[in-house]
Amino acid sequence: MPEKIGHPIDGIEEYNNPVPRWLMWLLYFTMLVAVVYWIMYPGWWPGALGWSSAGMYREEVAASEARYAAMRPKKADINVLIHDPGAIAEGTKIFAQNCTPCHGAEARGDTGIGPNLTDKTWIYGGKPEQIVHTITNGTANGMPTWGPQLGEEKIQKAAAFVHSLGGGE
C-alpha cells in the first residue's frame, strides 16, 4: 500500500500514488513530437521544410487553374469576331436591347442623344479595339460605362456589330 502524504483535510487522507509509467512515456513522446513539429513547420520562423500555408494555397490554385483551364471560355478576339456572322447577329440583338435608346434602331443617331454610327466620322475612333474601349469605359460626353453590365463577351459582339455598320475604320 502506498504511503500517506500526511496532511488530512476534513478527515480525508491523501495517498502518494505516482503517475503510471505508460502515461508519463506518452507525455514525453507527445512533447518530442511537438518539438519536431515546431522545428519542421513554421511558427514564428519559416520552418526547416520551407512549407507555408500561403505556398500550399498558391500550389493548389495553380493546379486548379491548370485543371479547369480547358473548361473556361476562351477570350474572344474582336479582330476575329468582326468577320463572324454569328457574332455580328448576336451583337445586333445586344445593340437593340441596350444601345437603341440613344443611337436609334438604325444606329443613325436619330434620337438626338447618341451620335450616328454609320457615318465615317467617329469621335472616339472606329477601329475594333477603340469601339470595344468606348463601349466598355463610356465617354465624357454621356456614353455610359457598359463594362460591368454587359460583360466582355457581349461587349465584343456588340462592337463587332457596330463595326459592321460601315462607319468604322
Protein backbone atom coordinates (compact mmCIF):
# COMPACT_ATOMS: atom_id res chain seq x y z
CA MET A 1 0.00 0.00 0.00
CA PRO A 2 1.38 3.49 -0.86
CA GLU A 3 2.28 5.77 1.99
CA LYS A 4 0.05 8.62 3.09
CA ILE A 5 1.11 12.20 2.42
CA GLY A 6 0.31 13.23 5.95
CA HIS A 7 -1.94 16.25 5.82
CA PRO A 8 -5.57 15.24 6.32
CA ILE A 9 -8.24 17.77 5.45
CA ASP A 10 -11.70 17.31 6.88
CA GLY A 11 -10.74 13.78 7.85
CA ILE A 12 -9.73 12.83 4.30
CA GLU A 13 -6.23 11.44 3.89
CA GLU A 14 -4.36 11.51 0.57
CA TYR A 15 -2.14 8.69 -0.66
CA ASN A 16 1.08 9.28 -2.58
CA ASN A 17 0.18 7.50 -5.86
CA PRO A 18 2.73 8.05 -8.65
CA VAL A 19 1.54 8.68 -12.22
CA PRO A 20 1.59 5.42 -14.23
CA ARG A 21 4.76 4.95 -16.28
CA TRP A 22 2.87 4.47 -19.57
CA LEU A 23 1.17 7.82 -19.10
CA MET A 24 4.48 9.55 -18.41
CA TRP A 25 6.04 7.97 -21.54
CA LEU A 26 3.03 9.16 -23.55
CA LEU A 27 3.60 12.67 -22.21
CA TYR A 28 7.30 12.58 -23.14
CA PHE A 29 6.51 11.24 -26.61
CA THR A 30 3.92 14.00 -27.16
CA MET A 31 6.48 16.61 -26.11
CA LEU A 32 9.02 15.14 -28.54
CA VAL A 33 6.50 15.19 -31.40
CA ALA A 34 5.66 18.82 -30.58
CA VAL A 35 9.33 19.84 -30.69
CA VAL A 36 9.90 18.02 -34.02
CA TYR A 37 6.76 19.61 -35.47
CA TRP A 38 7.90 23.03 -34.26
CA ILE A 39 11.28 22.54 -35.99
CA MET A 40 9.85 21.22 -39.27
CA TYR A 41 6.88 23.55 -39.77
CA PRO A 42 6.59 27.33 -39.48
CA GLY A 43 5.55 29.11 -36.36
CA TRP A 44 7.27 32.42 -35.80
CA TRP A 45 10.06 31.22 -38.08
CA PRO A 46 9.98 29.69 -41.62
CA GLY A 47 10.48 26.05 -40.59
CA ALA A 48 13.04 23.51 -41.79
CA LEU A 49 10.85 22.23 -44.64
CA GLY A 50 10.10 25.67 -46.10
CA TRP A 51 6.40 24.81 -46.09
CA SER A 52 3.81 27.53 -45.64
CA SER A 53 0.05 27.65 -45.93
CA ALA A 54 0.37 30.53 -48.42
CA GLY A 55 2.69 28.43 -50.60
CA MET A 56 0.33 25.48 -50.38
CA TYR A 57 -2.56 27.75 -51.40
CA ARG A 58 -0.60 29.03 -54.43
CA GLU A 59 0.18 25.45 -55.48
CA GLU A 60 -3.47 24.41 -55.16
CA VAL A 61 -4.65 27.44 -57.15
CA ALA A 62 -2.10 26.73 -59.90
CA ALA A 63 -3.20 23.08 -60.05
CA SER A 64 -6.83 24.16 -60.19
CA GLU A 65 -6.13 26.70 -62.93
CA ALA A 66 -4.35 24.05 -64.99
CA ARG A 67 -7.14 21.53 -64.42
CA TYR A 68 -10.06 23.81 -65.25
CA ALA A 69 -8.46 25.99 -67.95
CA ALA A 70 -9.98 23.88 -70.70
CA MET A 71 -13.49 24.43 -69.30
CA ARG A 72 -13.14 28.20 -69.12
CA PRO A 73 -14.42 30.03 -72.17
CA LYS A 74 -11.73 31.45 -74.38
CA LYS A 75 -11.39 35.21 -74.56
CA ALA A 76 -12.96 36.44 -77.77
CA ASP A 77 -10.72 38.34 -80.14
CA ILE A 78 -12.52 41.33 -81.61
CA ASN A 79 -10.49 41.05 -84.82
CA VAL A 80 -11.91 37.55 -85.34
CA LEU A 81 -15.46 38.47 -84.32
CA ILE A 82 -15.78 41.29 -86.86
CA HIS A 83 -15.66 38.60 -89.57
CA ASP A 84 -18.01 36.16 -87.79
CA PRO A 85 -21.63 36.49 -88.97
CA GLY A 86 -22.93 34.67 -85.89
CA ALA A 87 -21.20 37.10 -83.55
CA ILE A 88 -22.47 40.06 -85.57
CA ALA A 89 -26.03 38.67 -85.38
CA GLU A 90 -25.76 38.32 -81.60
CA GLY A 91 -24.27 41.81 -81.47
CA THR A 92 -27.33 43.10 -83.32
CA LYS A 93 -29.56 41.77 -80.53
CA ILE A 94 -27.31 43.21 -77.83
CA PHE A 95 -27.30 46.58 -79.62
CA ALA A 96 -31.10 46.51 -79.94
CA GLN A 97 -31.54 45.81 -76.22
CA ASN A 98 -29.04 48.31 -74.87
CA CYS A 99 -27.99 50.91 -77.44
CA THR A 100 -31.08 51.87 -79.44
CA PRO A 101 -32.46 54.33 -76.87
CA CYS A 102 -29.54 56.65 -77.59
CA HIS A 103 -28.31 55.69 -81.06
CA GLY A 104 -31.66 54.75 -82.63
CA ALA A 105 -32.80 51.48 -84.17
CA GLU A 106 -30.77 52.14 -87.33
CA ALA A 107 -27.76 53.44 -85.34
CA ARG A 108 -28.03 56.78 -87.15
CA GLY A 109 -28.34 58.88 -84.00
CA ASP A 110 -32.00 59.71 -84.80
CA THR A 111 -32.86 60.21 -81.13
CA GLY A 112 -30.60 63.22 -80.78
CA ILE A 113 -28.78 61.68 -77.82
CA GLY A 114 -26.12 59.40 -79.29
CA PRO A 115 -24.05 60.04 -82.42
CA ASN A 116 -24.52 58.44 -85.82
CA LEU A 117 -22.58 55.18 -86.01
CA THR A 118 -22.99 54.66 -89.75
CA ASP A 119 -21.04 57.68 -90.97
CA LYS A 120 -17.28 57.88 -91.46
CA THR A 121 -16.66 60.49 -88.73
CA TRP A 122 -16.13 58.91 -85.34
CA ILE A 123 -15.26 60.94 -82.28
CA TYR A 124 -13.55 58.13 -80.37
CA GLY A 125 -12.17 56.08 -83.27
CA GLY A 126 -13.69 53.35 -85.39
CA LYS A 127 -11.06 50.65 -85.05
CA PRO A 128 -12.42 47.49 -83.40
CA GLU A 129 -10.29 47.93 -80.27
CA GLN A 130 -11.38 51.55 -79.95
CA ILE A 131 -15.04 50.59 -80.26
CA VAL A 132 -14.62 47.98 -77.51
CA HIS A 133 -12.87 50.56 -75.31
CA THR A 134 -15.64 53.11 -75.87
CA ILE A 135 -18.41 50.63 -75.05
CA THR A 136 -16.58 49.24 -72.02
CA ASN A 137 -15.50 52.53 -70.43
CA GLY A 138 -18.01 55.02 -71.80
CA THR A 139 -17.10 58.61 -72.70
CA ALA A 140 -17.03 62.00 -71.07
CA ASN A 141 -19.79 63.20 -73.45
CA GLY A 142 -22.50 60.99 -71.95
CA MET A 143 -21.88 57.45 -73.18
CA PRO A 144 -22.41 55.25 -70.12
CA THR A 145 -19.98 52.60 -68.96
CA TRP A 146 -21.28 49.23 -70.17
CA GLY A 147 -18.42 47.04 -68.96
CA PRO A 148 -19.94 45.89 -65.67
CA GLN A 149 -23.48 45.39 -67.06
CA LEU A 150 -22.75 43.55 -70.29
CA GLY A 151 -19.50 41.72 -69.67
CA GLU A 152 -16.61 41.28 -72.04
CA GLU A 153 -18.19 38.74 -74.39
CA LYS A 154 -21.34 40.78 -75.09
CA ILE A 155 -19.32 43.97 -75.50
CA GLN A 156 -17.09 42.31 -78.09
CA LYS A 157 -20.14 41.10 -80.05
CA ALA A 158 -21.83 44.49 -79.87
CA ALA A 159 -18.58 46.09 -81.07
CA ALA A 160 -18.45 43.63 -83.96
CA PHE A 161 -21.96 44.69 -84.97
CA VAL A 162 -21.16 48.41 -84.66
CA HIS A 163 -18.03 47.88 -86.75
CA SER A 164 -20.10 46.08 -89.39
CA LEU A 165 -22.29 49.17 -89.84
CA GLY A 166 -19.56 50.51 -92.10
CA GLY A 167 -18.68 53.59 -90.13
CA GLY A 168 -15.59 52.07 -88.54
CA GLU A 169 -12.12 52.12 -89.98
